[in-house]
Every structure is written in structure tokens, then in C-alpha cells.
């Protein structure tokens, strides 16, 4: 597992720094096909923060595993309560975010939002190739 942390992001640098990190992750782990969904989900969270908490400070943690990219947005001041509420099914932003990510969850006090994307990274492809090579060798010696 690889972790990347961005600390104390605010309105002036949140979008630029998170988007650069997403681009780098997609390039480094060969998940360019997932860039659109991941960056659009990030944009929706940025729009929410801009609209609801103009003076926000956030920490963003990216965790990359062989089949998942998890992005955790933690607010130092403010919360995701309005984003998480889905009164009468009217919260379009939450619905769209749930459509883009494979899993969405909130901490109990709503100061953290976690989005998970199921991806096939370069790490998982290499692992599959290693397993195939092991299988070939097993059958070759049988």
C-alpha cells in the first residue's frame, strides 16, 4: 500500500494540489481510464467546500492498493453534514458522487468523507502476471 498526504489545504490551493496528485497517481499506477471519475468526484467535493465552507482547511490522504484508490478528505473546521444529508432524495451532489465512486462513507461526526474507487493498478497487473508465471511453472514440471 502506498500513501500520499496533503495537509492544510485551503480554498486557494485545494483544487490544484488534489488534481495534480490525482493526475500523478493515475499516471504512475496506469489507471488513466479512471482519471475522469476520480477527478470529477474531487471536483464535486471542492465545489461543496467552496459553497459551504469558504474558509475551510482540509487534509487529503490518498491510499493506493493493488485494486483500490481511497481518498479521505478530513476537515479541520467544518463538516460534510449538508453534503451527507439526502432529504427527500434532493441531494443531487451526493447521488452523483455515489455514482462516480464505488463506495462513499462519512465519519460519525461528518468531519471526514471517504471515497473509494475500485481500480486495476499497475501493481495488480504485475501481481496477476506473477501468479500466471507461477501456474505455468507448476504445470511445466508436473
N, C-alpha and C. Protein backbone atom coordinates (compact mmCIF):
# COMPACT_ATOMS: atom_id res chain seq x y z
N UNK A 1 0.84 -1.17 0.00
CA UNK A 1 0.00 0.00 0.00
C UNK A 1 0.90 1.24 0.00
N UNK A 2 0.48 2.23 -0.76
CA UNK A 2 1.21 3.49 -0.83
C UNK A 2 0.27 4.59 -0.34
N UNK A 3 0.80 5.50 0.45
CA UNK A 3 0.01 6.60 0.98
C UNK A 3 0.63 7.93 0.59
N UNK A 4 -0.23 8.86 0.23
CA UNK A 4 0.19 10.23 -0.09
C UNK A 4 -0.71 11.15 0.72
N UNK A 5 -0.12 12.10 1.44
CA UNK A 5 -0.90 13.01 2.28
C UNK A 5 -0.66 14.46 1.86
N UNK A 6 -1.74 15.19 1.78
CA UNK A 6 -1.69 16.63 1.55
C UNK A 6 -2.29 17.29 2.79
N UNK A 7 -1.57 18.22 3.37
CA UNK A 7 -2.02 18.82 4.64
C UNK A 7 -2.35 20.28 4.49
N UNK A 8 -3.32 20.69 5.29
CA UNK A 8 -3.72 22.09 5.44
C UNK A 8 -3.99 22.78 4.10
N UNK A 9 -4.81 22.12 3.29
CA UNK A 9 -5.24 22.72 2.03
C UNK A 9 -6.37 23.70 2.32
N UNK A 10 -6.42 24.77 1.54
CA UNK A 10 -7.49 25.76 1.72
C UNK A 10 -8.10 26.10 0.36
N UNK A 11 -8.95 27.07 0.37
CA UNK A 11 -9.68 27.44 -0.84
C UNK A 11 -8.74 27.78 -2.00
N UNK A 12 -7.61 28.40 -1.74
CA UNK A 12 -6.73 28.85 -2.81
C UNK A 12 -5.88 27.74 -3.43
N UNK A 13 -5.67 26.63 -2.71
CA UNK A 13 -4.79 25.60 -3.26
C UNK A 13 -5.40 24.19 -3.30
N UNK A 14 -6.59 24.01 -2.77
CA UNK A 14 -7.20 22.67 -2.68
C UNK A 14 -7.32 22.00 -4.05
N UNK A 15 -7.99 22.65 -4.97
CA UNK A 15 -8.27 22.02 -6.26
C UNK A 15 -6.98 21.72 -7.02
N UNK A 16 -6.09 22.67 -7.09
CA UNK A 16 -4.85 22.49 -7.86
C UNK A 16 -4.01 21.33 -7.30
N UNK A 17 -3.83 21.30 -6.00
CA UNK A 17 -2.96 20.28 -5.39
C UNK A 17 -3.60 18.88 -5.46
N UNK A 18 -4.91 18.80 -5.22
CA UNK A 18 -5.53 17.47 -5.28
C UNK A 18 -5.58 16.97 -6.72
N UNK A 19 -5.86 17.83 -7.68
CA UNK A 19 -5.90 17.41 -9.08
C UNK A 19 -4.52 16.97 -9.56
N UNK A 20 -3.48 17.70 -9.19
CA UNK A 20 -2.12 17.29 -9.56
C UNK A 20 -1.79 15.91 -8.99
N UNK A 21 -2.20 15.68 -7.76
CA UNK A 21 -1.93 14.38 -7.13
C UNK A 21 -2.70 13.27 -7.82
N UNK A 22 -3.96 13.52 -8.16
CA UNK A 22 -4.76 12.53 -8.86
C UNK A 22 -4.14 12.21 -10.23
N UNK A 23 -3.71 13.24 -10.95
CA UNK A 23 -3.05 13.03 -12.25
C UNK A 23 -1.80 12.17 -12.09
N UNK A 24 -1.00 12.48 -11.09
CA UNK A 24 0.24 11.74 -10.85
C UNK A 24 -0.05 10.28 -10.50
N UNK A 25 -1.03 10.06 -9.64
CA UNK A 25 -1.40 8.69 -9.25
C UNK A 25 -1.87 7.91 -10.48
N UNK A 26 -2.73 8.52 -11.28
CA UNK A 26 -3.25 7.84 -12.47
C UNK A 26 -2.13 7.49 -13.44
N UNK A 27 -1.17 8.40 -13.61
CA UNK A 27 -0.02 8.13 -14.49
C UNK A 27 0.88 7.05 -13.91
N UNK A 28 1.24 7.20 -12.65
CA UNK A 28 2.20 6.28 -12.02
C UNK A 28 1.67 4.85 -11.91
N UNK A 29 0.37 4.69 -11.73
CA UNK A 29 -0.20 3.37 -11.49
C UNK A 29 -1.04 2.85 -12.66
N UNK A 30 -0.90 3.53 -13.80
CA UNK A 30 -1.56 3.09 -15.04
C UNK A 30 -3.07 2.93 -14.88
N UNK A 31 -3.70 3.92 -14.26
CA UNK A 31 -5.16 3.91 -14.14
C UNK A 31 -5.75 5.16 -14.80
N UNK A 32 -5.16 5.53 -15.94
CA UNK A 32 -5.61 6.73 -16.65
C UNK A 32 -7.09 6.66 -17.01
N UNK A 33 -7.60 5.46 -17.27
CA UNK A 33 -9.02 5.33 -17.65
C UNK A 33 -9.95 5.72 -16.50
N UNK A 34 -9.45 5.73 -15.28
CA UNK A 34 -10.26 6.10 -14.12
C UNK A 34 -10.13 7.57 -13.76
N UNK A 35 -9.26 8.29 -14.46
CA UNK A 35 -9.00 9.69 -14.13
C UNK A 35 -10.28 10.53 -14.14
N UNK A 36 -11.13 10.36 -15.13
CA UNK A 36 -12.35 11.17 -15.23
C UNK A 36 -13.24 11.04 -14.01
N UNK A 37 -13.51 9.83 -13.58
CA UNK A 37 -14.38 9.61 -12.42
C UNK A 37 -13.76 10.16 -11.14
N UNK A 38 -12.49 9.90 -10.97
CA UNK A 38 -11.81 10.34 -9.74
C UNK A 38 -11.72 11.85 -9.69
N UNK A 39 -11.34 12.48 -10.79
CA UNK A 39 -11.21 13.94 -10.80
C UNK A 39 -12.57 14.63 -10.70
N UNK A 40 -13.62 14.05 -11.29
CA UNK A 40 -14.96 14.64 -11.19
C UNK A 40 -15.47 14.54 -9.74
N UNK A 41 -15.22 13.43 -9.08
CA UNK A 41 -15.61 13.29 -7.67
C UNK A 41 -14.87 14.33 -6.83
N UNK A 42 -13.60 14.51 -7.10
CA UNK A 42 -12.82 15.51 -6.38
C UNK A 42 -13.38 16.92 -6.63
N UNK A 43 -13.77 17.19 -7.87
CA UNK A 43 -14.35 18.50 -8.22
C UNK A 43 -15.64 18.74 -7.44
N UNK A 44 -16.46 17.71 -7.30
CA UNK A 44 -17.72 17.86 -6.56
C UNK A 44 -17.46 18.18 -5.10
N UNK A 45 -16.46 17.57 -4.52
CA UNK A 45 -16.12 17.85 -3.12
C UNK A 45 -15.56 19.26 -3.00
N UNK A 46 -14.74 19.65 -3.95
CA UNK A 46 -14.20 21.02 -3.97
C UNK A 46 -15.33 22.04 -4.08
N UNK A 47 -16.29 21.79 -4.95
CA UNK A 47 -17.44 22.70 -5.11
C UNK A 47 -18.24 22.80 -3.82
N UNK A 48 -18.45 21.66 -3.16
CA UNK A 48 -19.16 21.67 -1.88
C UNK A 48 -18.42 22.53 -0.86
N UNK A 49 -17.12 22.31 -0.74
CA UNK A 49 -16.33 23.07 0.24
C UNK A 49 -16.35 24.55 -0.09
N UNK A 50 -16.22 24.88 -1.34
CA UNK A 50 -16.27 26.29 -1.77
C UNK A 50 -17.60 26.94 -1.41
N UNK A 51 -18.69 26.20 -1.61
CA UNK A 51 -20.02 26.76 -1.37
C UNK A 51 -20.43 26.80 0.09
N UNK A 52 -19.99 25.83 0.86
CA UNK A 52 -20.45 25.72 2.24
C UNK A 52 -19.46 26.22 3.27
N UNK A 53 -18.18 26.16 2.97
CA UNK A 53 -17.14 26.49 3.95
C UNK A 53 -16.04 27.27 3.25
N UNK A 54 -16.26 28.53 2.98
CA UNK A 54 -15.29 29.31 2.22
C UNK A 54 -13.93 29.43 2.92
N UNK A 55 -13.90 29.24 4.21
CA UNK A 55 -12.63 29.34 4.95
C UNK A 55 -12.12 27.97 5.43
N UNK A 56 -12.44 26.92 4.68
CA UNK A 56 -12.09 25.57 5.11
C UNK A 56 -10.59 25.32 5.09
N UNK A 57 -10.18 24.38 5.94
CA UNK A 57 -8.83 23.83 5.93
C UNK A 57 -9.02 22.31 5.93
N UNK A 58 -8.40 21.64 4.96
CA UNK A 58 -8.63 20.21 4.79
C UNK A 58 -7.30 19.47 4.64
N UNK A 59 -7.32 18.24 5.11
CA UNK A 59 -6.23 17.30 4.86
C UNK A 59 -6.79 16.23 3.94
N UNK A 60 -6.02 15.84 2.94
CA UNK A 60 -6.47 14.83 1.99
C UNK A 60 -5.42 13.72 1.95
N UNK A 61 -5.88 12.50 2.20
CA UNK A 61 -5.00 11.33 2.19
C UNK A 61 -5.42 10.39 1.07
N UNK A 62 -4.46 9.99 0.26
CA UNK A 62 -4.67 9.05 -0.83
C UNK A 62 -4.01 7.74 -0.43
N UNK A 63 -4.73 6.64 -0.57
CA UNK A 63 -4.17 5.31 -0.31
C UNK A 63 -4.37 4.47 -1.57
N UNK A 64 -3.27 3.96 -2.08
CA UNK A 64 -3.32 3.18 -3.30
C UNK A 64 -2.92 1.76 -2.97
N UNK A 65 -3.80 0.85 -3.30
CA UNK A 65 -3.53 -0.56 -3.16
C UNK A 65 -3.64 -1.17 -4.55
N UNK A 66 -3.48 -2.45 -4.68
CA UNK A 66 -3.50 -3.06 -6.00
C UNK A 66 -4.86 -2.94 -6.68
N UNK A 67 -5.95 -2.93 -5.92
CA UNK A 67 -7.27 -2.84 -6.55
C UNK A 67 -8.12 -1.69 -6.04
N UNK A 68 -7.56 -0.78 -5.27
CA UNK A 68 -8.36 0.33 -4.74
C UNK A 68 -7.55 1.61 -4.63
N UNK A 69 -8.25 2.68 -4.87
CA UNK A 69 -7.74 4.01 -4.55
C UNK A 69 -8.74 4.60 -3.57
N UNK A 70 -8.27 4.94 -2.38
CA UNK A 70 -9.12 5.54 -1.37
C UNK A 70 -8.65 6.97 -1.14
N UNK A 71 -9.61 7.89 -1.17
CA UNK A 71 -9.31 9.30 -0.93
C UNK A 71 -10.10 9.73 0.29
N UNK A 72 -9.38 10.19 1.31
CA UNK A 72 -10.01 10.62 2.56
C UNK A 72 -9.84 12.12 2.70
N UNK A 73 -10.97 12.82 2.77
CA UNK A 73 -11.00 14.27 2.95
C UNK A 73 -11.38 14.55 4.39
N UNK A 74 -10.49 15.18 5.15
CA UNK A 74 -10.76 15.49 6.55
C UNK A 74 -10.74 17.00 6.74
N UNK A 75 -11.81 17.54 7.30
CA UNK A 75 -11.91 18.97 7.53
C UNK A 75 -11.45 19.31 8.94
N UNK A 76 -10.61 20.31 9.05
CA UNK A 76 -10.18 20.79 10.36
C UNK A 76 -11.23 21.72 10.96
N UNK A 77 -11.94 22.43 10.12
CA UNK A 77 -13.06 23.26 10.58
C UNK A 77 -14.19 23.07 9.58
N UNK A 78 -15.35 22.77 10.07
CA UNK A 78 -16.48 22.48 9.20
C UNK A 78 -16.75 20.98 9.15
N UNK A 79 -17.78 20.62 8.38
CA UNK A 79 -18.13 19.21 8.23
C UNK A 79 -18.85 18.97 6.91
N UNK A 80 -19.09 17.71 6.65
CA UNK A 80 -19.77 17.29 5.43
C UNK A 80 -21.24 16.96 5.70
N UNK A 81 -21.79 17.48 6.78
CA UNK A 81 -23.15 17.13 7.17
C UNK A 81 -24.17 17.49 6.09
N UNK A 82 -24.09 18.68 5.53
CA UNK A 82 -25.05 19.08 4.48
C UNK A 82 -24.86 18.24 3.23
N UNK A 83 -23.65 17.85 2.94
CA UNK A 83 -23.37 17.01 1.78
C UNK A 83 -23.94 15.61 1.99
N UNK A 84 -23.86 15.12 3.21
CA UNK A 84 -24.29 13.76 3.52
C UNK A 84 -25.80 13.63 3.63
N UNK A 85 -26.49 14.72 3.97
CA UNK A 85 -27.94 14.60 4.14
C UNK A 85 -28.60 14.47 2.78
N UNK A 86 -29.57 13.60 2.73
CA UNK A 86 -30.26 13.34 1.47
C UNK A 86 -31.76 13.48 1.70
N UNK A 87 -32.19 14.66 2.13
CA UNK A 87 -33.59 14.90 2.44
C UNK A 87 -34.45 14.76 1.19
N UNK A 88 -35.39 13.84 1.24
CA UNK A 88 -36.34 13.61 0.15
C UNK A 88 -35.64 13.33 -1.18
N UNK A 89 -34.45 12.78 -1.13
CA UNK A 89 -33.74 12.43 -2.36
C UNK A 89 -33.31 13.63 -3.18
N UNK A 90 -33.23 14.80 -2.57
CA UNK A 90 -32.92 16.02 -3.30
C UNK A 90 -31.43 16.34 -3.38
N UNK A 91 -30.59 15.60 -2.72
CA UNK A 91 -29.17 15.91 -2.72
C UNK A 91 -28.51 15.31 -3.97
N UNK A 92 -28.56 16.07 -5.04
CA UNK A 92 -28.03 15.61 -6.32
C UNK A 92 -26.53 15.39 -6.24
N UNK A 93 -25.81 16.25 -5.53
CA UNK A 93 -24.35 16.11 -5.44
C UNK A 93 -23.98 14.77 -4.81
N UNK A 94 -24.66 14.37 -3.76
CA UNK A 94 -24.37 13.08 -3.12
C UNK A 94 -24.68 11.94 -4.07
N UNK A 95 -25.79 12.02 -4.77
CA UNK A 95 -26.17 10.98 -5.73
C UNK A 95 -25.10 10.83 -6.82
N UNK A 96 -24.66 11.95 -7.36
CA UNK A 96 -23.64 11.91 -8.42
C UNK A 96 -22.32 11.37 -7.86
N UNK A 97 -21.93 11.80 -6.68
CA UNK A 97 -20.71 11.30 -6.07
C UNK A 97 -20.79 9.79 -5.86
N UNK A 98 -21.94 9.31 -5.41
CA UNK A 98 -22.12 7.87 -5.23
C UNK A 98 -22.07 7.13 -6.56
N UNK A 99 -22.44 7.79 -7.64
CA UNK A 99 -22.37 7.19 -8.97
C UNK A 99 -20.93 7.13 -9.48
N UNK A 100 -20.13 8.09 -9.10
CA UNK A 100 -18.74 8.15 -9.57
C UNK A 100 -17.82 7.21 -8.80
N UNK A 101 -18.00 7.15 -7.50
CA UNK A 101 -17.13 6.32 -6.64
C UNK A 101 -17.82 4.98 -6.38
N UNK A 102 -17.03 3.98 -6.06
CA UNK A 102 -17.60 2.66 -5.75
C UNK A 102 -18.15 2.61 -4.33
N UNK A 103 -17.55 3.41 -3.43
CA UNK A 103 -18.03 3.47 -2.05
C UNK A 103 -17.83 4.88 -1.52
N UNK A 104 -18.80 5.36 -0.75
CA UNK A 104 -18.72 6.66 -0.09
C UNK A 104 -19.10 6.43 1.37
N UNK A 105 -18.33 6.99 2.28
CA UNK A 105 -18.70 6.90 3.69
C UNK A 105 -18.28 8.19 4.40
N UNK A 106 -18.89 8.42 5.54
CA UNK A 106 -18.64 9.61 6.35
C UNK A 106 -18.30 9.16 7.76
N UNK A 107 -17.46 9.92 8.44
CA UNK A 107 -17.19 9.63 9.85
C UNK A 107 -18.44 9.98 10.65
N UNK A 108 -18.50 9.51 11.88
CA UNK A 108 -19.71 9.72 12.68
C UNK A 108 -19.99 11.20 12.95
N UNK A 109 -18.96 12.02 13.03
CA UNK A 109 -19.18 13.45 13.26
C UNK A 109 -19.15 14.24 11.95
N UNK A 110 -19.11 13.54 10.81
CA UNK A 110 -19.17 14.13 9.47
C UNK A 110 -18.03 15.08 9.14
N UNK A 111 -16.91 14.98 9.87
CA UNK A 111 -15.78 15.84 9.51
C UNK A 111 -14.85 15.16 8.49
N UNK A 112 -15.16 13.90 8.17
CA UNK A 112 -14.36 13.16 7.20
C UNK A 112 -15.26 12.47 6.18
N UNK A 113 -14.88 12.58 4.92
CA UNK A 113 -15.56 11.90 3.82
C UNK A 113 -14.54 10.99 3.16
N UNK A 114 -14.92 9.74 2.94
CA UNK A 114 -14.01 8.77 2.33
C UNK A 114 -14.65 8.25 1.05
N UNK A 115 -13.93 8.39 -0.05
CA UNK A 115 -14.40 7.85 -1.33
C UNK A 115 -13.42 6.77 -1.79
N UNK A 116 -13.99 5.65 -2.23
CA UNK A 116 -13.17 4.52 -2.65
C UNK A 116 -13.50 4.18 -4.10
N UNK A 117 -12.46 3.98 -4.88
CA UNK A 117 -12.59 3.63 -6.29
C UNK A 117 -11.93 2.28 -6.50
N UNK A 118 -12.65 1.34 -7.10
CA UNK A 118 -12.07 0.05 -7.43
C UNK A 118 -11.36 0.20 -8.77
N UNK A 119 -10.07 -0.03 -8.76
CA UNK A 119 -9.24 0.17 -9.95
C UNK A 119 -8.33 -1.03 -10.15
N UNK A 120 -7.78 -1.13 -11.32
CA UNK A 120 -6.76 -2.14 -11.62
C UNK A 120 -5.46 -1.40 -11.83
N UNK A 121 -4.64 -1.31 -10.79
CA UNK A 121 -3.38 -0.57 -10.88
C UNK A 121 -2.30 -1.43 -11.51
N UNK A 122 -1.21 -0.79 -11.82
CA UNK A 122 -0.05 -1.50 -12.35
C UNK A 122 0.38 -2.58 -11.37
N UNK A 123 0.22 -2.32 -10.06
CA UNK A 123 0.60 -3.30 -9.04
C UNK A 123 -0.24 -4.57 -9.19
N UNK A 124 -1.55 -4.43 -9.41
CA UNK A 124 -2.41 -5.61 -9.52
C UNK A 124 -2.12 -6.37 -10.81
N UNK A 125 -1.79 -5.67 -11.88
CA UNK A 125 -1.46 -6.32 -13.15
C UNK A 125 -0.16 -7.11 -12.99
N UNK A 126 0.84 -6.52 -12.33
CA UNK A 126 2.09 -7.23 -12.10
C UNK A 126 1.88 -8.47 -11.24
N UNK A 127 1.02 -8.35 -10.24
CA UNK A 127 0.73 -9.49 -9.36
C UNK A 127 0.05 -10.61 -10.16
N UNK A 128 -0.89 -10.25 -11.05
CA UNK A 128 -1.57 -11.24 -11.87
C UNK A 128 -0.56 -11.95 -12.77
N UNK A 129 0.37 -11.20 -13.34
CA UNK A 129 1.38 -11.79 -14.22
C UNK A 129 2.28 -12.75 -13.43
N UNK A 130 2.62 -12.40 -12.19
CA UNK A 130 3.44 -13.28 -11.37
C UNK A 130 2.70 -14.58 -11.07
N UNK A 131 1.39 -14.47 -10.77
CA UNK A 131 0.59 -15.67 -10.50
C UNK A 131 0.52 -16.56 -11.74
N UNK A 132 0.35 -15.95 -12.90
CA UNK A 132 0.30 -16.73 -14.13
C UNK A 132 1.62 -17.43 -14.38
N UNK A 133 2.72 -16.76 -14.12
CA UNK A 133 4.05 -17.36 -14.30
C UNK A 133 4.23 -18.54 -13.35
N UNK A 134 3.78 -18.40 -12.12
CA UNK A 134 3.87 -19.49 -11.15
C UNK A 134 3.04 -20.68 -11.64
N UNK A 135 1.83 -20.42 -12.13
CA UNK A 135 0.98 -21.50 -12.64
C UNK A 135 1.64 -22.21 -13.82
N UNK A 136 2.24 -21.46 -14.72
CA UNK A 136 2.93 -22.07 -15.87
C UNK A 136 4.04 -22.99 -15.39
N UNK A 137 4.81 -22.53 -14.41
CA UNK A 137 5.90 -23.35 -13.89
C UNK A 137 5.40 -24.61 -13.18
N UNK A 138 4.30 -24.51 -12.48
CA UNK A 138 3.73 -25.68 -11.80
C UNK A 138 3.32 -26.71 -12.83
N UNK A 139 2.64 -26.29 -13.88
CA UNK A 139 2.18 -27.25 -14.88
C UNK A 139 3.32 -27.76 -15.75
N UNK A 140 4.37 -27.01 -15.91
CA UNK A 140 5.51 -27.43 -16.72
C UNK A 140 6.25 -28.59 -16.05
N UNK A 141 6.33 -28.58 -14.74
CA UNK A 141 7.07 -29.59 -14.02
C UNK A 141 6.22 -30.80 -13.64
N UNK A 142 4.92 -30.73 -13.87
CA UNK A 142 4.05 -31.83 -13.49
C UNK A 142 4.18 -32.99 -14.43
